[in-house]
Amino acid sequence: MSWVIMTSSVRVIDNFLAAESHQKMASYLRGPGWAYGSYSDPSPGAPRYWYKHFAGLVNSAAEDASVGTIEGELANAPPIAAMWAAIRANVLPEHELLRCYANGYPYGADGGVHLDADVPGHVTALYFGHARWEPNWGGETVFFDSERQDVVATAYARPNRLVVFPGDLPHVARGVSRICPELRITLMFKARA
């Protein structure tokens, strides 16, 4: 595990899992359970992409839900539960899980600039869960200033990379290149202290 600080609010940990554990996680995430139609931009005609829900809140960070119930939902996905335990122990101590899901972007799927939380004090841990990636494939996560006028950081979609950032930081998943044969998979853990 090696830390990289991109900005004061965007932190990166490369090789978050041991290599063998990452390959198992990538295989698990590629498995069944995907549904099509999720979006990050609620405007009409916004691009859609693949989605896999594991636990927690669905519509708003302001929803009320029992933390024990949310973490208990991860029992149905043991590899995801183990990963949350590692994140909580090593990166986000004293945080409680609010939501966990994966997004899948093939060529032709794009995200929209958005916030992960509509209330302050929330944090997202984004894990690049695909098995391999090449620079020419695109798929970066781009972070913007609060006015959405300038890029403040970009996270390359490096496999086994964990990116931690405030939930109210505007960001977007950029689409993957036409030459990309892989599904860009991100696994999100949304939490609050």
N, C-alpha and C. Protein backbone atom coordinates (compact mmCIF):
# COMPACT_ATOMS: atom_id res chain seq x y z
N MET A 1 0.85 -1.16 0.00
CA MET A 1 0.00 0.00 0.00
C MET A 1 0.90 1.23 0.00
N SER A 2 0.67 2.14 -0.96
CA SER A 2 1.47 3.36 -0.98
C SER A 2 0.55 4.57 -1.19
N TRP A 3 0.71 5.57 -0.32
CA TRP A 3 -0.11 6.78 -0.35
C TRP A 3 0.46 7.79 -1.34
N VAL A 4 -0.44 8.47 -2.05
CA VAL A 4 -0.09 9.60 -2.91
C VAL A 4 -1.10 10.70 -2.57
N ILE A 5 -0.62 11.89 -2.27
CA ILE A 5 -1.53 13.00 -1.99
C ILE A 5 -1.64 13.82 -3.27
N MET A 6 -2.83 13.86 -3.87
CA MET A 6 -3.02 14.62 -5.10
C MET A 6 -3.29 16.09 -4.78
N THR A 7 -4.18 16.34 -3.83
CA THR A 7 -4.49 17.68 -3.35
C THR A 7 -4.76 17.54 -1.86
N SER A 8 -5.07 18.64 -1.20
CA SER A 8 -5.37 18.55 0.23
C SER A 8 -6.64 17.76 0.48
N SER A 9 -7.49 17.62 -0.52
CA SER A 9 -8.74 16.90 -0.31
C SER A 9 -8.86 15.59 -1.08
N VAL A 10 -7.97 15.33 -2.02
CA VAL A 10 -8.01 14.07 -2.79
C VAL A 10 -6.77 13.26 -2.43
N ARG A 11 -7.00 12.10 -1.81
CA ARG A 11 -5.90 11.22 -1.42
C ARG A 11 -5.98 9.93 -2.22
N VAL A 12 -4.83 9.38 -2.58
CA VAL A 12 -4.77 8.17 -3.39
C VAL A 12 -3.90 7.14 -2.69
N ILE A 13 -4.37 5.91 -2.68
CA ILE A 13 -3.58 4.79 -2.17
C ILE A 13 -3.47 3.78 -3.30
N ASP A 14 -2.26 3.57 -3.80
CA ASP A 14 -2.03 2.56 -4.83
C ASP A 14 -1.77 1.21 -4.17
N ASN A 15 -2.13 0.15 -4.90
CA ASN A 15 -1.96 -1.23 -4.41
C ASN A 15 -2.63 -1.40 -3.05
N PHE A 16 -3.89 -0.96 -2.97
CA PHE A 16 -4.61 -1.04 -1.70
C PHE A 16 -4.73 -2.48 -1.22
N LEU A 17 -5.03 -3.39 -2.13
CA LEU A 17 -5.10 -4.81 -1.78
C LEU A 17 -3.83 -5.51 -2.26
N ALA A 18 -3.51 -6.63 -1.64
CA ALA A 18 -2.43 -7.47 -2.16
C ALA A 18 -2.81 -7.89 -3.58
N ALA A 19 -1.83 -8.15 -4.43
CA ALA A 19 -2.10 -8.45 -5.85
C ALA A 19 -3.11 -9.58 -6.03
N GLU A 20 -2.95 -10.66 -5.30
CA GLU A 20 -3.88 -11.79 -5.42
C GLU A 20 -5.29 -11.40 -4.97
N SER A 21 -5.38 -10.63 -3.91
CA SER A 21 -6.69 -10.17 -3.42
C SER A 21 -7.36 -9.25 -4.43
N HIS A 22 -6.55 -8.41 -5.09
CA HIS A 22 -7.13 -7.53 -6.11
C HIS A 22 -7.69 -8.35 -7.26
N GLN A 23 -6.96 -9.37 -7.71
CA GLN A 23 -7.46 -10.19 -8.82
C GLN A 23 -8.76 -10.89 -8.44
N LYS A 24 -8.85 -11.36 -7.20
CA LYS A 24 -10.10 -11.98 -6.73
C LYS A 24 -11.23 -10.95 -6.68
N MET A 25 -10.93 -9.75 -6.22
CA MET A 25 -11.94 -8.70 -6.18
C MET A 25 -12.40 -8.34 -7.59
N ALA A 26 -11.47 -8.20 -8.52
CA ALA A 26 -11.82 -7.87 -9.90
C ALA A 26 -12.73 -8.95 -10.49
N SER A 27 -12.42 -10.20 -10.22
CA SER A 27 -13.24 -11.31 -10.70
C SER A 27 -14.63 -11.27 -10.07
N TYR A 28 -14.68 -11.01 -8.77
CA TYR A 28 -15.96 -10.92 -8.06
C TYR A 28 -16.82 -9.79 -8.64
N LEU A 29 -16.21 -8.64 -8.87
CA LEU A 29 -16.96 -7.49 -9.39
C LEU A 29 -17.46 -7.73 -10.81
N ARG A 30 -16.71 -8.49 -11.61
CA ARG A 30 -17.15 -8.79 -12.98
C ARG A 30 -18.30 -9.78 -13.00
N GLY A 31 -18.59 -10.41 -11.89
CA GLY A 31 -19.64 -11.43 -11.82
C GLY A 31 -21.03 -10.88 -12.04
N PRO A 32 -22.05 -11.74 -11.91
CA PRO A 32 -23.43 -11.33 -12.16
C PRO A 32 -23.95 -10.32 -11.14
N GLY A 33 -25.07 -9.71 -11.50
CA GLY A 33 -25.73 -8.78 -10.60
C GLY A 33 -25.81 -7.36 -11.13
N TRP A 34 -25.26 -7.12 -12.32
CA TRP A 34 -25.27 -5.77 -12.88
C TRP A 34 -26.66 -5.43 -13.44
N ALA A 35 -27.04 -4.17 -13.30
CA ALA A 35 -28.27 -3.65 -13.89
C ALA A 35 -27.90 -2.39 -14.67
N TYR A 36 -28.60 -2.15 -15.76
CA TYR A 36 -28.31 -0.99 -16.60
C TYR A 36 -29.30 0.14 -16.31
N GLY A 37 -28.81 1.37 -16.34
CA GLY A 37 -29.70 2.51 -16.26
C GLY A 37 -29.36 3.52 -15.19
N SER A 38 -28.28 3.31 -14.46
CA SER A 38 -27.90 4.29 -13.43
C SER A 38 -27.34 5.54 -14.10
N TYR A 39 -27.34 6.64 -13.36
CA TYR A 39 -26.84 7.91 -13.91
C TYR A 39 -26.30 8.78 -12.78
N SER A 40 -25.39 9.67 -13.11
CA SER A 40 -24.86 10.61 -12.12
C SER A 40 -25.40 12.01 -12.34
N ASP A 41 -25.97 12.25 -13.51
CA ASP A 41 -26.56 13.55 -13.85
C ASP A 41 -28.06 13.34 -14.03
N PRO A 42 -28.89 13.96 -13.19
CA PRO A 42 -30.33 13.71 -13.25
C PRO A 42 -31.08 14.42 -14.39
N SER A 43 -30.38 15.19 -15.21
CA SER A 43 -31.08 15.91 -16.27
C SER A 43 -31.59 14.94 -17.35
N PRO A 44 -32.67 15.33 -18.05
CA PRO A 44 -33.22 14.46 -19.10
C PRO A 44 -32.17 14.13 -20.15
N GLY A 45 -32.15 12.90 -20.58
CA GLY A 45 -31.22 12.46 -21.61
C GLY A 45 -29.80 12.23 -21.13
N ALA A 46 -29.59 12.28 -19.81
CA ALA A 46 -28.23 12.06 -19.27
C ALA A 46 -27.77 10.65 -19.60
N PRO A 47 -26.46 10.46 -19.78
CA PRO A 47 -25.94 9.14 -20.09
C PRO A 47 -26.23 8.14 -18.96
N ARG A 48 -26.40 6.90 -19.33
CA ARG A 48 -26.65 5.81 -18.39
C ARG A 48 -25.46 4.86 -18.40
N TYR A 49 -25.33 4.10 -17.32
CA TYR A 49 -24.25 3.12 -17.22
C TYR A 49 -24.70 1.97 -16.33
N TRP A 50 -23.83 0.96 -16.21
CA TRP A 50 -24.12 -0.24 -15.42
C TRP A 50 -23.89 0.03 -13.93
N TYR A 51 -24.62 -0.70 -13.10
CA TYR A 51 -24.65 -0.44 -11.66
C TYR A 51 -24.89 -1.74 -10.90
N LYS A 52 -24.24 -1.87 -9.75
CA LYS A 52 -24.45 -3.03 -8.87
C LYS A 52 -24.52 -2.51 -7.44
N HIS A 53 -25.69 -2.62 -6.80
CA HIS A 53 -25.90 -2.11 -5.44
C HIS A 53 -25.55 -3.19 -4.42
N PHE A 54 -24.76 -2.82 -3.40
CA PHE A 54 -24.40 -3.76 -2.35
C PHE A 54 -25.06 -3.43 -1.02
N ALA A 55 -25.15 -2.15 -0.68
CA ALA A 55 -25.70 -1.82 0.65
C ALA A 55 -26.02 -0.34 0.75
N GLY A 56 -27.00 -0.02 1.59
CA GLY A 56 -27.20 1.34 2.05
C GLY A 56 -28.17 2.20 1.30
N LEU A 57 -27.96 3.50 1.49
CA LEU A 57 -28.83 4.54 0.97
C LEU A 57 -28.86 4.52 -0.55
N VAL A 58 -29.97 4.99 -1.09
CA VAL A 58 -30.12 4.97 -2.54
C VAL A 58 -30.24 6.37 -3.13
N ASN A 59 -31.05 7.23 -2.55
CA ASN A 59 -31.36 8.51 -3.19
C ASN A 59 -30.64 9.73 -2.65
N SER A 60 -30.35 9.78 -1.36
CA SER A 60 -29.80 11.00 -0.79
C SER A 60 -28.96 10.70 0.44
N ALA A 61 -27.88 11.44 0.60
CA ALA A 61 -27.04 11.27 1.79
C ALA A 61 -27.78 11.70 3.05
N ALA A 62 -28.89 12.41 2.90
CA ALA A 62 -29.66 12.85 4.05
C ALA A 62 -30.68 11.81 4.51
N GLU A 63 -30.80 10.68 3.78
CA GLU A 63 -31.72 9.62 4.19
C GLU A 63 -31.33 9.10 5.56
N ASP A 64 -32.29 8.60 6.29
CA ASP A 64 -32.03 8.04 7.61
C ASP A 64 -31.99 6.52 7.49
N ALA A 65 -30.92 5.92 7.95
CA ALA A 65 -30.80 4.47 7.93
C ALA A 65 -29.89 4.05 9.07
N SER A 66 -30.12 2.89 9.58
CA SER A 66 -29.31 2.36 10.67
C SER A 66 -27.97 1.89 10.13
N VAL A 67 -26.91 2.35 10.74
CA VAL A 67 -25.56 1.97 10.31
C VAL A 67 -25.39 0.46 10.40
N GLY A 68 -25.86 -0.14 11.48
CA GLY A 68 -25.75 -1.59 11.63
C GLY A 68 -26.46 -2.33 10.52
N THR A 69 -27.60 -1.81 10.12
CA THR A 69 -28.35 -2.42 9.02
C THR A 69 -27.57 -2.32 7.72
N ILE A 70 -27.00 -1.15 7.45
CA ILE A 70 -26.25 -0.95 6.21
C ILE A 70 -25.04 -1.88 6.17
N GLU A 71 -24.25 -1.89 7.22
CA GLU A 71 -23.08 -2.77 7.22
C GLU A 71 -23.50 -4.23 7.18
N GLY A 72 -24.63 -4.56 7.80
CA GLY A 72 -25.14 -5.92 7.77
C GLY A 72 -25.48 -6.39 6.36
N GLU A 73 -25.91 -5.46 5.50
CA GLU A 73 -26.22 -5.81 4.12
C GLU A 73 -24.99 -6.36 3.39
N LEU A 74 -23.81 -5.94 3.81
CA LEU A 74 -22.58 -6.42 3.16
C LEU A 74 -22.32 -7.90 3.43
N ALA A 75 -23.02 -8.49 4.39
CA ALA A 75 -22.86 -9.92 4.65
C ALA A 75 -23.20 -10.75 3.42
N ASN A 76 -24.03 -10.19 2.53
CA ASN A 76 -24.38 -10.88 1.29
C ASN A 76 -23.26 -10.82 0.26
N ALA A 77 -22.24 -10.04 0.52
CA ALA A 77 -21.11 -9.87 -0.40
C ALA A 77 -19.82 -9.90 0.42
N PRO A 78 -19.38 -11.08 0.88
CA PRO A 78 -18.22 -11.16 1.78
C PRO A 78 -16.96 -10.44 1.30
N PRO A 79 -16.59 -10.50 0.00
CA PRO A 79 -15.39 -9.76 -0.42
C PRO A 79 -15.54 -8.25 -0.23
N ILE A 80 -16.75 -7.75 -0.44
CA ILE A 80 -17.00 -6.32 -0.27
C ILE A 80 -16.95 -5.96 1.21
N ALA A 81 -17.52 -6.83 2.05
CA ALA A 81 -17.48 -6.61 3.50
C ALA A 81 -16.04 -6.57 4.00
N ALA A 82 -15.20 -7.47 3.50
CA ALA A 82 -13.79 -7.50 3.91
C ALA A 82 -13.07 -6.23 3.46
N MET A 83 -13.41 -5.76 2.28
CA MET A 83 -12.77 -4.53 1.79
C MET A 83 -13.19 -3.34 2.65
N TRP A 84 -14.48 -3.24 2.99
CA TRP A 84 -14.92 -2.14 3.85
C TRP A 84 -14.20 -2.22 5.19
N ALA A 85 -14.02 -3.41 5.73
CA ALA A 85 -13.31 -3.55 7.01
C ALA A 85 -11.89 -3.03 6.89
N ALA A 86 -11.22 -3.31 5.76
CA ALA A 86 -9.85 -2.82 5.54
C ALA A 86 -9.82 -1.30 5.39
N ILE A 87 -10.78 -0.75 4.68
CA ILE A 87 -10.85 0.71 4.52
C ILE A 87 -11.10 1.36 5.87
N ARG A 88 -12.02 0.80 6.61
CA ARG A 88 -12.35 1.38 7.91
C ARG A 88 -11.16 1.30 8.87
N ALA A 89 -10.43 0.21 8.83
CA ALA A 89 -9.29 0.04 9.73
C ALA A 89 -8.10 0.91 9.33
N ASN A 90 -7.86 1.08 8.03
CA ASN A 90 -6.63 1.72 7.56
C ASN A 90 -6.78 3.13 7.01
N VAL A 91 -7.98 3.50 6.60
CA VAL A 91 -8.15 4.77 5.90
C VAL A 91 -9.21 5.67 6.55
N LEU A 92 -10.33 5.10 6.91
CA LEU A 92 -11.45 5.88 7.44
C LEU A 92 -11.87 5.39 8.83
N PRO A 93 -10.96 5.44 9.80
CA PRO A 93 -11.36 5.00 11.14
C PRO A 93 -12.46 5.92 11.68
N GLU A 94 -13.31 5.35 12.48
CA GLU A 94 -14.41 6.10 13.10
C GLU A 94 -15.43 6.62 12.08
N HIS A 95 -15.46 6.03 10.90
CA HIS A 95 -16.47 6.38 9.91
C HIS A 95 -17.51 5.26 9.85
N GLU A 96 -18.72 5.64 9.49
CA GLU A 96 -19.79 4.66 9.32
C GLU A 96 -20.20 4.61 7.86
N LEU A 97 -20.45 3.41 7.39
CA LEU A 97 -20.83 3.20 5.99
C LEU A 97 -22.27 3.65 5.77
N LEU A 98 -22.47 4.41 4.70
CA LEU A 98 -23.81 4.86 4.31
C LEU A 98 -24.32 4.17 3.05
N ARG A 99 -23.38 3.83 2.16
CA ARG A 99 -23.78 3.25 0.88
C ARG A 99 -22.58 2.57 0.25
N CYS A 100 -22.84 1.48 -0.46
CA CYS A 100 -21.79 0.79 -1.20
C CYS A 100 -22.37 0.25 -2.50
N TYR A 101 -21.69 0.54 -3.60
CA TYR A 101 -22.15 0.08 -4.90
C TYR A 101 -20.99 0.12 -5.89
N ALA A 102 -21.18 -0.52 -7.03
CA ALA A 102 -20.18 -0.49 -8.09
C ALA A 102 -20.82 0.11 -9.34
N ASN A 103 -20.00 0.80 -10.13
CA ASN A 103 -20.42 1.32 -11.43
C ASN A 103 -19.57 0.65 -12.50
N GLY A 104 -20.17 0.38 -13.64
CA GLY A 104 -19.46 -0.20 -14.76
C GLY A 104 -19.66 0.63 -16.02
N TYR A 105 -18.55 1.05 -16.62
CA TYR A 105 -18.58 1.87 -17.83
C TYR A 105 -17.92 1.13 -18.98
N PRO A 106 -18.68 0.68 -19.97
CA PRO A 106 -18.06 0.21 -21.20
C PRO A 106 -17.87 1.41 -22.13
N TYR A 107 -17.27 1.18 -23.28
CA TYR A 107 -17.18 2.25 -24.28
C TYR A 107 -18.58 2.76 -24.58
N GLY A 108 -18.73 4.07 -24.67
CA GLY A 108 -20.01 4.68 -25.00
C GLY A 108 -20.79 5.16 -23.79
N ALA A 109 -20.36 4.79 -22.59
CA ALA A 109 -21.02 5.26 -21.37
C ALA A 109 -20.21 6.41 -20.80
N ASP A 110 -20.88 7.45 -20.40
CA ASP A 110 -20.22 8.61 -19.82
C ASP A 110 -20.92 9.00 -18.54
N GLY A 111 -20.19 9.65 -17.66
CA GLY A 111 -20.79 10.19 -16.44
C GLY A 111 -21.09 11.66 -16.61
N GLY A 112 -21.66 12.26 -15.60
CA GLY A 112 -21.90 13.69 -15.56
C GLY A 112 -21.27 14.25 -14.29
N VAL A 113 -20.86 15.51 -14.32
CA VAL A 113 -20.27 16.12 -13.14
C VAL A 113 -21.32 16.13 -12.03
N HIS A 114 -20.94 15.68 -10.85
CA HIS A 114 -21.90 15.54 -9.75
C HIS A 114 -21.20 15.56 -8.41
N LEU A 115 -22.00 15.58 -7.35
CA LEU A 115 -21.53 15.43 -5.97
C LEU A 115 -22.00 14.06 -5.50
N ASP A 116 -21.24 13.42 -4.64
CA ASP A 116 -21.68 12.16 -4.05
C ASP A 116 -22.57 12.38 -2.84
N ALA A 117 -22.48 13.53 -2.22
CA ALA A 117 -23.28 13.83 -1.03
C ALA A 117 -23.86 15.23 -1.15
N ASP A 118 -25.11 15.34 -0.73
CA ASP A 118 -25.74 16.66 -0.75
C ASP A 118 -25.75 17.30 0.64
N VAL A 119 -24.97 16.74 1.54
CA VAL A 119 -24.75 17.31 2.87
C VAL A 119 -23.25 17.26 3.15
N PRO A 120 -22.71 18.22 3.90
CA PRO A 120 -21.26 18.21 4.19
C PRO A 120 -20.88 17.11 5.17
N GLY A 121 -19.58 16.81 5.21
CA GLY A 121 -19.06 15.85 6.18
C GLY A 121 -19.03 14.41 5.71
N HIS A 122 -19.41 14.17 4.45
CA HIS A 122 -19.40 12.81 3.92
C HIS A 122 -18.13 12.60 3.09
N VAL A 123 -17.69 11.35 3.02
CA VAL A 123 -16.46 10.99 2.33
C VAL A 123 -16.75 9.82 1.39
N THR A 124 -16.10 9.81 0.23
CA THR A 124 -16.19 8.68 -0.69
C THR A 124 -14.83 8.03 -0.81
N ALA A 125 -14.81 6.71 -0.75
CA ALA A 125 -13.62 5.92 -1.07
C ALA A 125 -13.96 5.18 -2.36
N LEU A 126 -13.29 5.54 -3.45
CA LEU A 126 -13.54 4.98 -4.77
C LEU A 126 -12.40 4.03 -5.10
N TYR A 127 -12.73 2.79 -5.44
CA TYR A 127 -11.73 1.77 -5.74
C TYR A 127 -11.85 1.37 -7.20
N PHE A 128 -10.73 1.43 -7.93
CA PHE A 128 -10.73 0.98 -9.32
C PHE A 128 -10.58 -0.54 -9.32
N GLY A 129 -11.69 -1.22 -9.62
CA GLY A 129 -11.76 -2.67 -9.44
C GLY A 129 -11.58 -3.50 -10.69
N HIS A 130 -11.23 -2.90 -11.82
CA HIS A 130 -10.98 -3.70 -13.01
C HIS A 130 -9.60 -4.37 -12.89
N ALA A 131 -9.40 -5.43 -13.65
CA ALA A 131 -8.17 -6.22 -13.53
C ALA A 131 -6.97 -5.56 -14.21
N ARG A 132 -7.21 -4.85 -15.32
CA ARG A 132 -6.10 -4.21 -16.03
C ARG A 132 -6.60 -2.93 -16.67
N TRP A 133 -5.64 -2.03 -16.98
CA TRP A 133 -6.00 -0.76 -17.61
C TRP A 133 -4.80 -0.20 -18.35
N GLU A 134 -5.06 0.50 -19.44
CA GLU A 134 -4.02 1.12 -20.25
C GLU A 134 -4.29 2.63 -20.34
N PRO A 135 -3.24 3.46 -20.40
CA PRO A 135 -3.43 4.91 -20.47
C PRO A 135 -4.29 5.38 -21.65
N ASN A 136 -4.21 4.70 -22.78
CA ASN A 136 -4.98 5.11 -23.95
C ASN A 136 -6.47 4.78 -23.85
N TRP A 137 -6.87 4.12 -22.78
CA TRP A 137 -8.28 3.73 -22.63
C TRP A 137 -9.13 4.81 -21.97
N GLY A 138 -8.53 5.89 -21.47
CA GLY A 138 -9.32 6.95 -20.82
C GLY A 138 -9.86 6.50 -19.48
N GLY A 139 -11.09 6.92 -19.15
CA GLY A 139 -11.75 6.47 -17.93
C GLY A 139 -11.29 7.12 -16.65
N GLU A 140 -10.60 8.25 -16.74
CA GLU A 140 -10.14 8.92 -15.53
C GLU A 140 -11.32 9.47 -14.73
N THR A 141 -11.09 9.66 -13.43
CA THR A 141 -12.03 10.41 -12.59
C THR A 141 -11.44 11.80 -12.44
N VAL A 142 -12.21 12.81 -12.83
CA VAL A 142 -11.74 14.19 -12.83
C VAL A 142 -12.48 14.97 -11.74
N PHE A 143 -11.71 15.72 -10.95
CA PHE A 143 -12.26 16.50 -9.83
C PHE A 143 -12.20 17.98 -10.18
N PHE A 144 -13.26 18.72 -9.79
CA PHE A 144 -13.38 20.14 -10.11
C PHE A 144 -13.44 20.98 -8.85
N ASP A 145 -13.19 22.29 -9.02
CA ASP A 145 -13.40 23.22 -7.91
C ASP A 145 -14.90 23.33 -7.65
N SER A 146 -15.26 24.00 -6.56
CA SER A 146 -16.67 24.06 -6.16
C SER A 146 -17.56 24.76 -7.18
N GLU A 147 -16.98 25.63 -8.01
CA GLU A 147 -17.76 26.31 -9.04
C GLU A 147 -17.83 25.50 -10.33
N ARG A 148 -17.13 24.38 -10.37
CA ARG A 148 -17.09 23.50 -11.55
C ARG A 148 -16.50 24.21 -12.77
N GLN A 149 -15.53 25.09 -12.50
CA GLN A 149 -14.92 25.87 -13.57
C GLN A 149 -13.50 25.44 -13.89
N ASP A 150 -12.88 24.66 -12.99
CA ASP A 150 -11.50 24.27 -13.21
C ASP A 150 -11.23 22.89 -12.61
N VAL A 151 -10.35 22.15 -13.25
CA VAL A 151 -9.95 20.83 -12.76
C VAL A 151 -8.95 21.02 -11.63
N VAL A 152 -9.16 20.34 -10.51
CA VAL A 152 -8.23 20.43 -9.38
C VAL A 152 -7.42 19.15 -9.21
N ALA A 153 -7.90 18.04 -9.78
CA ALA A 153 -7.16 16.77 -9.70
C ALA A 153 -7.77 15.80 -10.71
N THR A 154 -6.95 14.85 -11.13
CA THR A 154 -7.41 13.77 -11.99
C THR A 154 -6.82 12.47 -11.48
N ALA A 155 -7.66 11.45 -11.36
CA ALA A 155 -7.19 10.13 -10.92
C ALA A 155 -7.26 9.17 -12.10
N TYR A 156 -6.10 8.72 -12.53
CA TYR A 156 -6.01 7.70 -13.57
C TYR A 156 -6.66 6.42 -13.04
N ALA A 157 -7.31 5.68 -13.92
CA ALA A 157 -8.06 4.48 -13.54
C ALA A 157 -7.15 3.27 -13.31
N ARG A 158 -6.10 3.45 -12.56
CA ARG A 158 -5.13 2.39 -12.28
C ARG A 158 -5.80 1.28 -11.45
N PRO A 159 -5.70 0.04 -11.89
CA PRO A 159 -6.28 -1.05 -11.10
C PRO A 159 -5.70 -1.09 -9.69
N ASN A 160 -6.56 -1.43 -8.73
CA ASN A 160 -6.17 -1.58 -7.32
C ASN A 160 -5.80 -0.25 -6.68
N ARG A 161 -6.36 0.83 -7.19
CA ARG A 161 -6.14 2.17 -6.63
C ARG A 161 -7.38 2.58 -5.85
N LEU A 162 -7.16 3.14 -4.66
CA LEU A 162 -8.23 3.68 -3.84
C LEU A 162 -8.07 5.19 -3.80
N VAL A 163 -9.14 5.91 -4.14
CA VAL A 163 -9.14 7.37 -4.14
C VAL A 163 -10.15 7.82 -3.08
N VAL A 164 -9.71 8.66 -2.15
CA VAL A 164 -10.57 9.11 -1.05
C VAL A 164 -10.75 10.62 -1.17
N PHE A 165 -12.00 11.07 -1.12
CA PHE A 165 -12.27 12.50 -1.31
C PHE A 165 -13.58 12.89 -0.63
N PRO A 166 -13.77 14.19 -0.36
CA PRO A 166 -15.02 14.65 0.24
C PRO A 166 -16.20 14.41 -0.70
N GLY A 167 -17.32 13.98 -0.14
CA GLY A 167 -18.49 13.69 -0.96
C GLY A 167 -19.07 14.91 -1.65
N ASP A 168 -18.75 16.10 -1.15
CA ASP A 168 -19.29 17.31 -1.79
C ASP A 168 -18.29 17.96 -2.76
N LEU A 169 -17.29 17.20 -3.20
CA LEU A 169 -16.35 17.68 -4.21
C LEU A 169 -16.88 17.28 -5.59
N PRO A 170 -17.14 18.25 -6.50
CA PRO A 170 -17.64 17.90 -7.83
C PRO A 170 -16.63 17.03 -8.58
N HIS A 171 -17.15 15.99 -9.23
CA HIS A 171 -16.27 15.09 -9.98
C HIS A 171 -17.08 14.39 -11.07
N VAL A 172 -16.36 13.72 -11.97
CA VAL A 172 -16.99 13.01 -13.08
C VAL A 172 -16.12 11.84 -13.50
N ALA A 173 -16.78 10.76 -13.90
CA ALA A 173 -16.08 9.62 -14.51
C ALA A 173 -16.07 9.88 -16.01
N ARG A 174 -14.90 10.02 -16.58
CA ARG A 174 -14.79 10.23 -18.02
C ARG A 174 -14.97 8.90 -18.74
N GLY A 175 -15.55 8.98 -19.93
CA GLY A 175 -15.80 7.78 -20.71
C GLY A 175 -14.52 7.08 -21.13
N VAL A 176 -14.67 5.82 -21.48
CA VAL A 176 -13.52 5.04 -21.94
C VAL A 176 -13.43 5.11 -23.46
N SER A 177 -12.24 4.91 -23.96
CA SER A 177 -11.95 4.97 -25.39
C SER A 177 -12.61 3.81 -26.14
N ARG A 178 -12.83 4.04 -27.41
CA ARG A 178 -13.40 3.00 -28.28
C ARG A 178 -12.50 1.78 -28.35
N ILE A 179 -11.20 1.95 -28.16
CA ILE A 179 -10.28 0.82 -28.26
C ILE A 179 -10.22 0.00 -26.97
N CYS A 180 -10.92 0.44 -25.93
CA CYS A 180 -10.86 -0.24 -24.63
C CYS A 180 -11.72 -1.51 -24.64
N PRO A 181 -11.12 -2.68 -24.40
CA PRO A 181 -11.89 -3.93 -24.39
C PRO A 181 -12.45 -4.29 -23.02
N GLU A 182 -12.18 -3.46 -22.02
CA GLU A 182 -12.55 -3.77 -20.63
C GLU A 182 -13.72 -2.92 -20.15
N LEU A 183 -14.38 -3.41 -19.11
CA LEU A 183 -15.38 -2.63 -18.40
C LEU A 183 -14.65 -1.85 -17.31
N ARG A 184 -14.79 -0.53 -17.31
CA ARG A 184 -14.20 0.29 -16.25
C ARG A 184 -15.08 0.10 -15.02
N ILE A 185 -14.53 -0.49 -13.97
CA ILE A 185 -15.30 -0.80 -12.77
C ILE A 185 -14.77 0.01 -11.60
N THR A 186 -15.69 0.74 -10.96
CA THR A 186 -15.35 1.43 -9.72
C THR A 186 -16.28 0.92 -8.63
N LEU A 187 -15.71 0.75 -7.45
CA LEU A 187 -16.46 0.31 -6.28
C LEU A 187 -16.44 1.47 -5.29
N MET A 188 -17.62 1.94 -4.90
CA MET A 188 -17.72 3.09 -4.02
C MET A 188 -18.16 2.71 -2.62
N PHE A 189 -17.47 3.30 -1.64
CA PHE A 189 -17.87 3.22 -0.24
C PHE A 189 -18.11 4.65 0.21
N LYS A 190 -19.35 4.98 0.51
CA LYS A 190 -19.69 6.33 0.96
C LYS A 190 -19.91 6.28 2.46
N ALA A 191 -19.26 7.20 3.17
CA ALA A 191 -19.25 7.13 4.64
C ALA A 191 -19.32 8.53 5.25
N ARG A 192 -19.53 8.55 6.57
CA ARG A 192 -19.47 9.80 7.33
C ARG A 192 -18.83 9.50 8.68
N ALA A 193 -18.19 10.53 9.23
CA ALA A 193 -17.53 10.38 10.53
C ALA A 193 -18.56 10.45 11.64
